[in-house]
């Protein structure tokens, strides 16, 4: 097995993931993922596909992430890793889909409209 390249997105975050056989080393933008994502909840999200497919410590991941916040970036990596596991073995898809890991979150920030303060908020109205 050589390197598998997949893409994951969430909101404005884009993650390019390169997955290969290894010892379970996960690097994000050149740093260890535990340094890049300081909270346990975000680290759990990245490890979720590995725990579901029972492949912890078997694959090395190199991820390049850009845009959005750290939560969106973590979930973009999670989607990309899940897609990589489906490319490796199609039998992984039902388990990952049942946990909601194969769904791309399409929600984006609504654009600001002219003549308004924000996307939905209006300027204060003065009757007199």
C-alpha atoms as a PDB file:
ATOM      1  CA  UNK A   1       0.000   0.000   0.000  1.00  0.00           C
ATOM      2  CA  UNK A   2       1.341   3.389  -0.950  1.00  0.00           C
ATOM      3  CA  UNK A   3       0.143   6.821   0.136  1.00  0.00           C
ATOM      4  CA  UNK A   4      -3.604   7.525  -0.020  1.00  0.00           C
ATOM      5  CA  UNK A   5      -4.587  11.162  -0.623  1.00  0.00           C
ATOM      6  CA  UNK A   6      -8.051  12.393   0.430  1.00  0.00           C
ATOM      7  CA  UNK A   7      -9.778  15.705   1.003  1.00  0.00           C
ATOM      8  CA  UNK A   8     -12.136  16.763   3.796  1.00  0.00           C
ATOM      9  CA  UNK A   9     -14.062  19.999   4.273  1.00  0.00           C
ATOM     10  CA  UNK A  10     -16.187  21.607   6.960  1.00  0.00           C
ATOM     11  CA  UNK A  11     -17.436  25.199   6.787  1.00  0.00           C
ATOM     12  CA  UNK A  12     -14.406  27.151   5.503  1.00  0.00           C
ATOM     13  CA  UNK A  13     -11.815  24.538   6.567  1.00  0.00           C
ATOM     14  CA  UNK A  14     -10.086  22.348   4.012  1.00  0.00           C
ATOM     15  CA  UNK A  15      -7.938  19.358   5.012  1.00  0.00           C
ATOM     16  CA  UNK A  16      -5.674  17.437   2.651  1.00  0.00           C
ATOM     17  CA  UNK A  17      -4.716  14.126   4.245  1.00  0.00           C
ATOM     18  CA  UNK A  18      -1.927  11.762   3.180  1.00  0.00           C
ATOM     19  CA  UNK A  19      -2.309   8.343   4.821  1.00  0.00           C
ATOM     20  CA  UNK A  20       0.225   5.513   4.779  1.00  0.00           C
ATOM     21  CA  UNK A  21       1.072   2.387   6.785  1.00  0.00           C
ATOM     22  CA  UNK A  22       3.035   3.264   9.903  1.00  0.00           C
ATOM     23  CA  UNK A  23       3.083   3.561  13.667  1.00  0.00           C
ATOM     24  CA  UNK A  24       0.167   5.933  14.242  1.00  0.00           C
ATOM     25  CA  UNK A  25       2.008   9.256  13.970  1.00  0.00           C
ATOM     26  CA  UNK A  26      -0.389  12.104  13.158  1.00  0.00           C
ATOM     27  CA  UNK A  27       1.096  15.432  12.034  1.00  0.00           C
ATOM     28  CA  UNK A  28      -0.971  18.521  11.206  1.00  0.00           C
ATOM     29  CA  UNK A  29       0.760  21.354   9.337  1.00  0.00           C
ATOM     30  CA  UNK A  30       4.157  19.984  10.388  1.00  0.00           C
ATOM     31  CA  UNK A  31       3.276  19.748  14.108  1.00  0.00           C
ATOM     32  CA  UNK A  32       2.121  16.845  16.251  1.00  0.00           C
ATOM     33  CA  UNK A  33      -1.681  16.824  16.384  1.00  0.00           C
ATOM     34  CA  UNK A  34      -1.674  17.029  20.203  1.00  0.00           C
ATOM     35  CA  UNK A  35       0.219  20.331  19.980  1.00  0.00           C
ATOM     36  CA  UNK A  36      -1.950  21.675  17.143  1.00  0.00           C
ATOM     37  CA  UNK A  37      -5.261  20.671  18.788  1.00  0.00           C
ATOM     38  CA  UNK A  38      -4.782  21.324  22.532  1.00  0.00           C
ATOM     39  CA  UNK A  39      -8.182  20.160  23.822  1.00  0.00           C
ATOM     40  CA  UNK A  40      -9.057  16.518  24.430  1.00  0.00           C
ATOM     41  CA  UNK A  41     -12.372  16.876  22.562  1.00  0.00           C
ATOM     42  CA  UNK A  42     -10.621  17.866  19.320  1.00  0.00           C
ATOM     43  CA  UNK A  43      -8.042  15.091  19.699  1.00  0.00           C
ATOM     44  CA  UNK A  44     -10.904  12.632  20.207  1.00  0.00           C
ATOM     45  CA  UNK A  45     -12.541  13.790  16.959  1.00  0.00           C
ATOM     46  CA  UNK A  46      -9.367  13.074  15.005  1.00  0.00           C
ATOM     47  CA  UNK A  47      -9.000   9.615  16.595  1.00  0.00           C
ATOM     48  CA  UNK A  48     -12.671   8.678  16.056  1.00  0.00           C
ATOM     49  CA  UNK A  49     -12.236   6.974  12.630  1.00  0.00           C
ATOM     50  CA  UNK A  50      -9.373   4.871  14.028  1.00  0.00           C
ATOM     51  CA  UNK A  51     -11.395   3.644  17.023  1.00  0.00           C
ATOM     52  CA  UNK A  52     -14.433   2.796  14.874  1.00  0.00           C
ATOM     53  CA  UNK A  53     -12.364   0.789  12.363  1.00  0.00           C
ATOM     54  CA  UNK A  54     -10.081  -0.759  15.050  1.00  0.00           C
ATOM     55  CA  UNK A  55      -6.920   0.501  13.336  1.00  0.00           C
ATOM     56  CA  UNK A  56      -5.303   2.563  16.104  1.00  0.00           C
ATOM     57  CA  UNK A  57      -1.528   2.834  15.659  1.00  0.00           C
ATOM     58  CA  UNK A  58      -1.485   1.244  12.195  1.00  0.00           C
ATOM     59  CA  UNK A  59      -1.444   4.301   9.918  1.00  0.00           C
ATOM     60  CA  UNK A  60       0.607   7.491   9.755  1.00  0.00           C
ATOM     61  CA  UNK A  61      -1.231  10.668   8.804  1.00  0.00           C
ATOM     62  CA  UNK A  62       0.167  13.864   7.376  1.00  0.00           C
ATOM     63  CA  UNK A  63      -2.508  16.585   7.157  1.00  0.00           C
ATOM     64  CA  UNK A  64      -2.382  20.055   5.637  1.00  0.00           C
ATOM     65  CA  UNK A  65      -5.222  22.214   6.961  1.00  0.00           C
ATOM     66  CA  UNK A  66      -6.230  25.757   6.074  1.00  0.00           C
ATOM     67  CA  UNK A  67      -9.135  28.097   6.758  1.00  0.00           C
ATOM     68  CA  UNK A  68     -11.787  28.235   9.450  1.00  0.00           C
ATOM     69  CA  UNK A  69     -11.300  27.617  13.154  1.00  0.00           C
ATOM     70  CA  UNK A  70      -9.740  24.687  14.977  1.00  0.00           C
ATOM     71  CA  UNK A  71     -13.035  22.824  15.426  1.00  0.00           C
ATOM     72  CA  UNK A  72     -13.797  22.996  11.707  1.00  0.00           C
ATOM     73  CA  UNK A  73     -10.237  21.932  10.913  1.00  0.00           C
ATOM     74  CA  UNK A  74     -10.434  18.929  13.253  1.00  0.00           C
ATOM     75  CA  UNK A  75     -13.700  17.787  11.711  1.00  0.00           C
ATOM     76  CA  UNK A  76     -12.329  18.315   8.184  1.00  0.00           C
ATOM     77  CA  UNK A  77      -9.421  16.002   9.061  1.00  0.00           C
ATOM     78  CA  UNK A  78     -11.895  13.497  10.524  1.00  0.00           C
ATOM     79  CA  UNK A  79     -13.878  13.435   7.259  1.00  0.00           C
ATOM     80  CA  UNK A  80     -10.719  13.046   5.149  1.00  0.00           C
ATOM     81  CA  UNK A  81      -9.435  10.161   7.305  1.00  0.00           C
ATOM     82  CA  UNK A  82     -12.846   8.467   7.125  1.00  0.00           C
ATOM     83  CA  UNK A  83     -12.820   8.761   3.335  1.00  0.00           C
ATOM     84  CA  UNK A  84      -9.318   7.257   3.278  1.00  0.00           C
ATOM     85  CA  UNK A  85     -10.507   4.246   5.306  1.00  0.00           C
ATOM     86  CA  UNK A  86     -13.322   3.691   2.806  1.00  0.00           C
ATOM     87  CA  UNK A  87     -10.767   3.731  -0.037  1.00  0.00           C
ATOM     88  CA  UNK A  88      -8.666   1.151   1.837  1.00  0.00           C
ATOM     89  CA  UNK A  89     -11.606  -1.153   2.560  1.00  0.00           C
ATOM     90  CA  UNK A  90     -15.222  -0.565   1.491  1.00  0.00           C
ATOM     91  CA  UNK A  91     -16.424  -2.670   4.463  1.00  0.00           C
ATOM     92  CA  UNK A  92     -15.554   0.277   6.752  1.00  0.00           C
ATOM     93  CA  UNK A  93     -18.209   2.525   5.207  1.00  0.00           C
ATOM     94  CA  UNK A  94     -21.352   1.265   7.052  1.00  0.00           C
ATOM     95  CA  UNK A  95     -19.711   1.622  10.486  1.00  0.00           C
ATOM     96  CA  UNK A  96     -18.356   5.104   9.705  1.00  0.00           C
ATOM     97  CA  UNK A  97     -21.651   6.215   8.144  1.00  0.00           C
ATOM     98  CA  UNK A  98     -23.619   5.036  11.199  1.00  0.00           C
ATOM     99  CA  UNK A  99     -21.507   7.340  13.390  1.00  0.00           C
ATOM    100  CA  UNK A 100     -22.044  10.249  10.966  1.00  0.00           C
ATOM    101  CA  UNK A 101     -18.413  10.483   9.868  1.00  0.00           C
ATOM    102  CA  UNK A 102     -19.051  10.221   6.133  1.00  0.00           C
ATOM    103  CA  UNK A 103     -21.270  13.319   5.923  1.00  0.00           C
ATOM    104  CA  UNK A 104     -19.832  16.656   4.862  1.00  0.00           C
ATOM    105  CA  UNK A 105     -21.184  19.566   6.912  1.00  0.00           C
ATOM    106  CA  UNK A 106     -22.324  22.099   4.279  1.00  0.00           C
ATOM    107  CA  UNK A 107     -23.116  24.992   6.634  1.00  0.00           C
ATOM    108  CA  UNK A 108     -21.303  28.182   5.695  1.00  0.00           C
ATOM    109  CA  UNK A 109     -21.355  31.723   7.016  1.00  0.00           C
ATOM    110  CA  UNK A 110     -24.113  33.745   5.384  1.00  0.00           C
ATOM    111  CA  UNK A 111     -22.796  36.783   3.533  1.00  0.00           C
ATOM    112  CA  UNK A 112     -23.323  40.339   4.724  1.00  0.00           C
ATOM    113  CA  UNK A 113     -25.942  42.225   2.718  1.00  0.00           C
ATOM    114  CA  UNK A 114     -25.662  45.889   1.706  1.00  0.00           C
ATOM    115  CA  UNK A 115     -27.749  48.305   3.773  1.00  0.00           C
ATOM    116  CA  UNK A 116     -27.594  45.976   6.789  1.00  0.00           C
ATOM    117  CA  UNK A 117     -25.276  45.709   9.758  1.00  0.00           C
ATOM    118  CA  UNK A 118     -24.615  41.963   9.337  1.00  0.00           C
ATOM    119  CA  UNK A 119     -26.176  39.101   7.380  1.00  0.00           C
ATOM    120  CA  UNK A 120     -29.535  39.297   9.157  1.00  0.00           C
ATOM    121  CA  UNK A 121     -29.155  42.181  11.633  1.00  0.00           C
ATOM    122  CA  UNK A 122     -30.436  45.550  10.464  1.00  0.00           C
ATOM    123  CA  UNK A 123     -29.423  49.062  11.463  1.00  0.00           C
ATOM    124  CA  UNK A 124     -31.427  50.499  14.360  1.00  0.00           C
ATOM    125  CA  UNK A 125     -34.721  51.972  13.190  1.00  0.00           C
ATOM    126  CA  UNK A 126     -35.688  55.419  14.472  1.00  0.00           C
ATOM    127  CA  UNK A 127     -39.338  56.395  14.101  1.00  0.00           C
ATOM    128  CA  UNK A 128     -38.774  60.074  14.957  1.00  0.00           C
END
